[in-house]
PDB file of N, CA and C in Angstrom:
ATOM      1  N   MET A   1     -16.233-175.599 -13.573  1.00  0.00           N
ATOM      2  CA  MET A   1     -15.110-176.164 -14.287  1.00  0.00           C
ATOM      3  C   MET A   1     -13.849-175.404 -13.893  1.00  0.00           C
ATOM      4  N   LYS A   2     -12.814-176.133 -13.580  1.00  0.00           N
ATOM      5  CA  LYS A   2     -11.537-175.531 -13.218  1.00  0.00           C
ATOM      6  C   LYS A   2     -10.499-175.896 -14.267  1.00  0.00           C
ATOM      7  N   ILE A   3      -9.584-174.962 -14.490  1.00  0.00           N
ATOM      8  CA  ILE A   3      -8.443-175.281 -15.333  1.00  0.00           C
ATOM      9  C   ILE A   3      -7.182-174.970 -14.550  1.00  0.00           C
ATOM     10  N   ALA A   4      -6.145-175.700 -14.851  1.00  0.00           N
ATOM     11  CA  ALA A   4      -4.885-175.518 -14.143  1.00  0.00           C
ATOM     12  C   ALA A   4      -4.255-174.184 -14.525  1.00  0.00           C
ATOM     13  N   ALA A   5      -3.445-173.674 -13.637  1.00  0.00           N
ATOM     14  CA  ALA A   5      -2.759-172.406 -13.897  1.00  0.00           C
ATOM     15  C   ALA A   5      -1.898-172.497 -15.149  1.00  0.00           C
ATOM     16  N   ALA A   6      -1.256-173.628 -15.354  1.00  0.00           N
ATOM     17  CA  ALA A   6      -0.407-173.792 -16.540  1.00  0.00           C
ATOM     18  C   ALA A   6      -1.234-173.740 -17.817  1.00  0.00           C
ATOM     19  N   THR A   7      -2.421-174.325 -17.780  1.00  0.00           N
ATOM     20  CA  THR A   7      -3.305-174.286 -18.949  1.00  0.00           C
ATOM     21  C   THR A   7      -3.766-172.862 -19.217  1.00  0.00           C
ATOM     22  N   ALA A   8      -4.151-172.159 -18.178  1.00  0.00           N
ATOM     23  CA  ALA A   8      -4.578-170.765 -18.329  1.00  0.00           C
ATOM     24  C   ALA A   8      -3.444-169.908 -18.882  1.00  0.00           C
ATOM     25  N   ALA A   9      -2.244-170.136 -18.402  1.00  0.00           N
ATOM     26  CA  ALA A   9      -1.090-169.377 -18.887  1.00  0.00           C
ATOM     27  C   ALA A   9      -0.815-169.673 -20.356  1.00  0.00           C
ATOM     28  N   ALA A  10      -0.937-170.933 -20.749  1.00  0.00           N
ATOM     29  CA  ALA A  10      -0.699-171.308 -22.145  1.00  0.00           C
ATOM     30  C   ALA A  10      -1.730-170.671 -23.072  1.00  0.00           C
ATOM     31  N   ILE A  11      -2.980-170.673 -22.653  1.00  0.00           N
ATOM     32  CA  ILE A  11      -4.042-170.069 -23.466  1.00  0.00           C
ATOM     33  C   ILE A  11      -3.827-168.559 -23.581  1.00  0.00           C
ATOM     34  N   THR A  12      -3.516-167.923 -22.469  1.00  0.00           N
ATOM     35  CA  THR A  12      -3.277-166.480 -22.471  1.00  0.00           C
ATOM     36  C   THR A  12      -2.092-166.124 -23.356  1.00  0.00           C
ATOM     37  N   THR A  13      -1.034-166.913 -23.274  1.00  0.00           N
ATOM     38  CA  THR A  13       0.147-166.682 -24.105  1.00  0.00           C
ATOM     39  C   THR A  13      -0.183-166.840 -25.579  1.00  0.00           C
ATOM     40  N   ALA A  14      -0.935-167.880 -25.927  1.00  0.00           N
ATOM     41  CA  ALA A  14      -1.302-168.107 -27.330  1.00  0.00           C
ATOM     42  C   ALA A  14      -2.141-166.951 -27.867  1.00  0.00           C
ATOM     43  N   PHE A  15      -3.112-166.495 -27.080  1.00  0.00           N
ATOM     44  CA  PHE A  15      -3.934-165.351 -27.502  1.00  0.00           C
ATOM     45  C   PHE A  15      -3.068-164.103 -27.687  1.00  0.00           C
ATOM     46  N   GLY A  16      -2.196-163.857 -26.731  1.00  0.00           N
ATOM     47  CA  GLY A  16      -1.337-162.674 -26.797  1.00  0.00           C
ATOM     48  C   GLY A  16      -0.412-162.692 -27.991  1.00  0.00           C
ATOM     49  N   GLU A  17       0.219-163.833 -28.249  1.00  0.00           N
ATOM     50  CA  GLU A  17       1.129-163.943 -29.386  1.00  0.00           C
ATOM     51  C   GLU A  17       0.389-163.759 -30.704  1.00  0.00           C
ATOM     52  N   ALA A  18      -0.784-164.344 -30.813  1.00  0.00           N
ATOM     53  CA  ALA A  18      -1.569-164.210 -32.044  1.00  0.00           C
ATOM     54  C   ALA A  18      -2.001-162.762 -32.247  1.00  0.00           C
ATOM     55  N   TYR A  19      -2.412-162.099 -31.181  1.00  0.00           N
ATOM     56  CA  TYR A  19      -2.875-160.709 -31.275  1.00  0.00           C
ATOM     57  C   TYR A  19      -1.735-159.783 -31.687  1.00  0.00           C
ATOM     58  N   ILE A  20      -0.581-159.943 -31.051  1.00  0.00           N
ATOM     59  CA  ILE A  20       0.572-159.103 -31.377  1.00  0.00           C
ATOM     60  C   ILE A  20       1.035-159.346 -32.806  1.00  0.00           C
ATOM     61  N   ALA A  21       1.086-160.606 -33.226  1.00  0.00           N
ATOM     62  CA  ALA A  21       1.499-160.922 -34.593  1.00  0.00           C
ATOM     63  C   ALA A  21       0.524-160.336 -35.609  1.00  0.00           C
ATOM     64  N   ALA A  22      -0.755-160.412 -35.317  1.00  0.00           N
ATOM     65  CA  ALA A  22      -1.767-159.865 -36.228  1.00  0.00           C
ATOM     66  C   ALA A  22      -1.637-158.351 -36.328  1.00  0.00           C
ATOM     67  N   LEU A  23      -1.479-157.675 -35.196  1.00  0.00           N
ATOM     68  CA  LEU A  23      -1.327-156.219 -35.224  1.00  0.00           C
ATOM     69  C   LEU A  23      -0.064-155.805 -35.964  1.00  0.00           C
ATOM     70  N   ASP A  24       1.029-156.503 -35.717  1.00  0.00           N
ATOM     71  CA  ASP A  24       2.282-156.199 -36.402  1.00  0.00           C
ATOM     72  C   ASP A  24       2.109-156.308 -37.914  1.00  0.00           C
ATOM     73  N   MET A  25       1.518-157.396 -38.356  1.00  0.00           N
ATOM     74  CA  MET A  25       1.297-157.619 -39.779  1.00  0.00           C
ATOM     75  C   MET A  25       0.412-156.515 -40.370  1.00  0.00           C
ATOM     76  N   LEU A  26      -0.654-156.155 -39.670  1.00  0.00           N
ATOM     77  CA  LEU A  26      -1.582-155.148 -40.181  1.00  0.00           C
ATOM     78  C   LEU A  26      -0.947-153.761 -40.262  1.00  0.00           C
ATOM     79  N   PHE A  27      -0.160-153.390 -39.260  1.00  0.00           N
ATOM     80  CA  PHE A  27       0.495-152.086 -39.308  1.00  0.00           C
ATOM     81  C   PHE A  27       1.488-152.021 -40.465  1.00  0.00           C
ATOM     82  N   VAL A  28       2.194-153.110 -40.732  1.00  0.00           N
ATOM     83  CA  VAL A  28       3.122-153.149 -41.866  1.00  0.00           C
ATOM     84  C   VAL A  28       2.344-153.032 -43.173  1.00  0.00           C
ATOM     85  N   GLN A  29       1.272-153.800 -43.311  1.00  0.00           N
ATOM     86  CA  GLN A  29       0.462-153.763 -44.533  1.00  0.00           C
ATOM     87  C   GLN A  29      -0.165-152.390 -44.766  1.00  0.00           C
ATOM     88  N   ASN A  30      -0.503-151.697 -43.686  1.00  0.00           N
ATOM     89  CA  ASN A  30      -1.167-150.391 -43.785  1.00  0.00           C
ATOM     90  C   ASN A  30      -0.185-149.223 -43.699  1.00  0.00           C
ATOM     91  N   ASN A  31       1.119-149.508 -43.880  1.00  0.00           N
ATOM     92  CA  ASN A  31       2.152-148.456 -43.829  1.00  0.00           C
ATOM     93  C   ASN A  31       2.080-147.616 -42.557  1.00  0.00           C
ATOM     94  N   GLY A  32       1.877-148.287 -41.425  1.00  0.00           N
ATOM     95  CA  GLY A  32       1.867-147.615 -40.132  1.00  0.00           C
ATOM     96  C   GLY A  32       0.531-147.067 -39.686  1.00  0.00           C
ATOM     97  N   GLU A  33      -0.467-147.123 -40.545  1.00  0.00           N
ATOM     98  CA  GLU A  33      -1.803-146.643 -40.173  1.00  0.00           C
ATOM     99  C   GLU A  33      -2.523-147.704 -39.340  1.00  0.00           C
ATOM    100  N   PRO A  34      -3.292-147.284 -38.354  1.00  0.00           N
ATOM    101  CA  PRO A  34      -4.025-148.256 -37.535  1.00  0.00           C
ATOM    102  C   PRO A  34      -5.043-149.040 -38.372  1.00  0.00           C
ATOM    103  N   PRO A  35      -5.156-150.333 -38.105  1.00  0.00           N
ATOM    104  CA  PRO A  35      -6.147-151.145 -38.820  1.00  0.00           C
ATOM    105  C   PRO A  35      -7.542-150.932 -38.235  1.00  0.00           C
ATOM    106  N   THR A  36      -8.549-151.327 -39.002  1.00  0.00           N
ATOM    107  CA  THR A  36      -9.924-151.277 -38.497  1.00  0.00           C
ATOM    108  C   THR A  36     -10.143-152.443 -37.539  1.00  0.00           C
ATOM    109  N   SER A  37     -11.187-152.366 -36.752  1.00  0.00           N
ATOM    110  CA  SER A  37     -11.484-153.461 -35.820  1.00  0.00           C
ATOM    111  C   SER A  37     -11.812-154.745 -36.577  1.00  0.00           C
ATOM    112  N   GLU A  38     -12.430-154.609 -37.742  1.00  0.00           N
ATOM    113  CA  GLU A  38     -12.743-155.790 -38.554  1.00  0.00           C
ATOM    114  C   GLU A  38     -11.467-156.452 -39.060  1.00  0.00           C
ATOM    115  N   GLU A  39     -10.504-155.637 -39.495  1.00  0.00           N
ATOM    116  CA  GLU A  39      -9.222-156.179 -39.956  1.00  0.00           C
ATOM    117  C   GLU A  39      -8.506-156.902 -38.820  1.00  0.00           C
ATOM    118  N   VAL A  40      -8.537-156.305 -37.628  1.00  0.00           N
ATOM    119  CA  VAL A  40      -7.883-156.918 -36.471  1.00  0.00           C
ATOM    120  C   VAL A  40      -8.540-158.253 -36.141  1.00  0.00           C
ATOM    121  N   ALA A  41      -9.861-158.285 -36.099  1.00  0.00           N
ATOM    122  CA  ALA A  41     -10.574-159.521 -35.763  1.00  0.00           C
ATOM    123  C   ALA A  41     -10.268-160.627 -36.763  1.00  0.00           C
ATOM    124  N   GLU A  42     -10.296-160.296 -38.047  1.00  0.00           N
ATOM    125  CA  GLU A  42     -10.040-161.293 -39.083  1.00  0.00           C
ATOM    126  C   GLU A  42      -8.594-161.791 -39.025  1.00  0.00           C
ATOM    127  N   ALA A  43      -7.649-160.870 -38.880  1.00  0.00           N
ATOM    128  CA  ALA A  43      -6.238-161.251 -38.831  1.00  0.00           C
ATOM    129  C   ALA A  43      -5.929-162.044 -37.565  1.00  0.00           C
ATOM    130  N   PHE A  44      -6.534-161.651 -36.433  1.00  0.00           N
ATOM    131  CA  PHE A  44      -6.313-162.378 -35.183  1.00  0.00           C
ATOM    132  C   PHE A  44      -6.796-163.818 -35.310  1.00  0.00           C
ATOM    133  N   LYS A  45      -7.977-163.991 -35.848  1.00  0.00           N
ATOM    134  CA  LYS A  45      -8.522-165.343 -36.003  1.00  0.00           C
ATOM    135  C   LYS A  45      -7.612-166.189 -36.885  1.00  0.00           C
ATOM    136  N   ALA A  46      -7.175-165.640 -37.999  1.00  0.00           N
ATOM    137  CA  ALA A  46      -6.299-166.382 -38.914  1.00  0.00           C
ATOM    138  C   ALA A  46      -4.976-166.728 -38.248  1.00  0.00           C
ATOM    139  N   LYS A  47      -4.380-165.772 -37.551  1.00  0.00           N
ATOM    140  CA  LYS A  47      -3.082-166.006 -36.909  1.00  0.00           C
ATOM    141  C   LYS A  47      -3.222-166.993 -35.763  1.00  0.00           C
ATOM    142  N   TYR A  48      -4.291-166.889 -34.973  1.00  0.00           N
ATOM    143  CA  TYR A  48      -4.492-167.830 -33.870  1.00  0.00           C
ATOM    144  C   TYR A  48      -4.650-169.249 -34.397  1.00  0.00           C
ATOM    145  N   LEU A  49      -5.439-169.410 -35.449  1.00  0.00           N
ATOM    146  CA  LEU A  49      -5.614-170.746 -36.025  1.00  0.00           C
ATOM    147  C   LEU A  49      -4.302-171.284 -36.566  1.00  0.00           C
ATOM    148  N   GLN A  50      -3.482-170.405 -37.137  1.00  0.00           N
ATOM    149  CA  GLN A  50      -2.175-170.822 -37.642  1.00  0.00           C
ATOM    150  C   GLN A  50      -1.294-171.295 -36.487  1.00  0.00           C
ATOM    151  N   LEU A  51      -1.254-170.524 -35.400  1.00  0.00           N
ATOM    152  CA  LEU A  51      -0.429-170.888 -34.250  1.00  0.00           C
ATOM    153  C   LEU A  51      -0.965-172.119 -33.529  1.00  0.00           C
ATOM    154  N   ALA A  52      -2.282-172.315 -33.573  1.00  0.00           N
ATOM    155  CA  ALA A  52      -2.907-173.452 -32.893  1.00  0.00           C
ATOM    156  C   ALA A  52      -2.880-174.713 -33.751  1.00  0.00           C
ATOM    157  N   GLY A  53      -2.288-174.633 -34.907  1.00  0.00           N
ATOM    158  CA  GLY A  53      -2.192-175.809 -35.763  1.00  0.00           C
ATOM    159  C   GLY A  53      -3.412-176.030 -36.628  1.00  0.00           C
ATOM    160  N   GLY A  54      -4.189-174.983 -36.867  1.00  0.00           N
ATOM    161  CA  GLY A  54      -5.332-175.084 -37.758  1.00  0.00           C
ATOM    162  C   GLY A  54      -6.568-175.703 -37.164  1.00  0.00           C
ATOM    163  N   ARG A  55      -6.604-175.836 -35.866  1.00  0.00           N
ATOM    164  CA  ARG A  55      -7.771-176.451 -35.216  1.00  0.00           C
ATOM    165  C   ARG A  55      -8.934-175.526 -35.188  1.00  0.00           C
TER     166      ARG A  55
END
């Protein structure tokens, strides 16, 4: 299966934006302390679904 470069770039961008937004939110909530891996995974999933339109 092949995907176009534009599709790959869009997916990579969406993942990156969701990850950065999740980390930013978690660091603010934790007063600058690093979040746990579980917190990151949960927040990333929620933020990605939000950015992807809830799909």
